[in-house]
């Protein structure tokens, strides 16, 4: 869970100061992926000006400059400029060609510290440098081998074995060859043969000045291409179909996320697993490494190159800016009316020649019959994505008549749970790169299940490796705590339920009511957002508390889980989501006059007031009240007097929608509560302690 970024300018003069700022800004865009430490590497001198026949000598003389710092990006920026000011390094020096790399880290191996930050080095002289996202699972074996060959390790990271292994391969090849004829790509491919696990890597070496190599297996990585007009220094209007391999001025970018690239160019290549992308002399070469077939090859070889077309990013720079909001999480909560509208755009059909209302999900239309015939539908996800699927399970069971089961991705793999050929496995992930979910996907494919992906990221690993799927189109989400992606996931999966159950006449009225509810959903969420100040006042009352319980049942059990998750993620307050039917089986022991308890009691099958004495949620409220519980009840508009007779508790009134869509409305006050609690308690709402956005490690 790290952010990696690299920038190479070719035949376009850039000052060292400009190069540094590009690298720093790339890291700022990626900081949500990891923010406990960071680092960059730039060249100490302009190697492009060195005559070709002397380049090897000079490449050994000019050591790459590496800067690493614990803490956030701004601490790195400050330390770099302080170090530059203390030396004679010229920030105005021009580079016609320069390759720089940068990294922001979320610790997995080794504590946050400069020695554990990236780039990791091959040793004194920085002959090979590597930045890494992922985990090398066999690093201990490799480390023992390298230690026996005289290498000394300075960090506790798994990454350090990679540059040291590259140096070992390079030195051995030159011992045998007697000269430096071994190519950069041969060294990297030989290193890849020895690595196990998931990774995205970028290599830089003083032996191969002004070159970069990137490769990946399991972790996300893209290449951005910006070709420039020599006179105007701006990007031409035409979009080349294939990667450039010419001497025209250009800028090239590697990144683990499109966020860091979109401000420079929209022309990108999504790098596939096993591909080795080599930038040299203004050209981009892609080699294909088959980990299964090529792993045990005995000599340094060069796989055949492949041709790949560029694609165009469908996003704008404005999407990754905070605008008038103080924090990304705040912005993304308030963007939900529009993100929901975008999610549903073109997918809800009302009227026309066919009077019946229906749903069109283009990515699934060829597979709906297979899904309807499934033995069961299995939702697989982690965290917020799991909760979104749980919110939709009741309506999917109701409309499809197919049994629906839920699996936490890591648990499914741990116990090797049964997946059958007759199953439909639905993989839910905001990033589409979640490691546990990806491994569960490979497991389900091996067992022959139909695999459906629901992600927010076009071109992600899950969208590429599933048989079919739906993009939620919620827009870029930067805040670590997912908000708008959660509500859009529910909307998409509700549409999935409508599409699967769309061939039954008996539930047609129900389906049409849900479609009408979906159309009006953005307006209802906009109405809930008007409660912002009211929720802020509630947060002031709760900010000193240590624990919070959230009770829900039916459709809103998932809301209880997700609301509690948001509070613990960002406000760092212990919170627990509990299914209300289990209250008497243990949780009731915690209730006293001090513990704040949120009860979700909006109007649905679990809470009715038409004279029914055994209303389930009303019974829960009464029992909690009888034990002097400190209650905060979320109810439907106009029902505060029913849930809090005599003003015995605090009520939050929300608009009523179709019961299966109520979780979308009900989660918004809890998102706002988590946000305001975090700000009031003085914590970083966008970068909560110990968490990162895209969980690409197991």
Foldseek 3Di string as FASTA:
>chain_A
DKKKKKKKWAQAKDFLLRRVVLQLLLCVLGCLFAWQKKKKKWWQDALVPPDPVCSQVVLQVTFIDMFIATGGSVVSVVVVVVVCVVDVRDRGDIYNIIMMIMMHDQDDFADRGRLAYDQAALDPRRQKTKDKDWAFPCLVVLVVVLVVVPGDGDTRGSNNSQNVQLVVQQVVVCVVVVDNPDDPVLSNLLSLLPTDTWMWMKMDGSSAGRKIKIATAQAWKKKFKAFADPPPRHGDPDFDFWFDDDNGTIMMMMISDCLSVQVPFFWMDTDDHQWMWMDDNNGIWIFGGDNVPCSPDDDRDGHDTDIDTIDGHPAHNVLSDPPPDPDLLVSLLLCQLVLLCQLQPPFWDDCDPDHFTAGDFPQCPVPLVLQLQAQAEEEEEADLQQLLVVLQQVLLCVLRVHHYYYDHLQVCVVVVDDAALRYEYEYEDAQLSAASSLVSLVSNVVRNHQYEYEYQDPPHPNCVSHPTYGHLRSTDRQFQQDFSSSLSSNVVVNSVSRNSSVVDPVCRVVSRQVSVLSVCVSVQLNVLVVCLVVLLVVLVVCLPPQEEEEEDADSCLSLQQSLQVLQCQQLVHHYDRDHLVCCVVPVVVVFAQPHEYEYEAEDDPQADDPPDPCRNSLVSLVVSVVRNGAYEYEYAPPCPCVNQPPNNYHYDHGHDGPPSSVSSNVNSSSSSNSVSSNVVNPTDRRRGPSGRRHNNYD
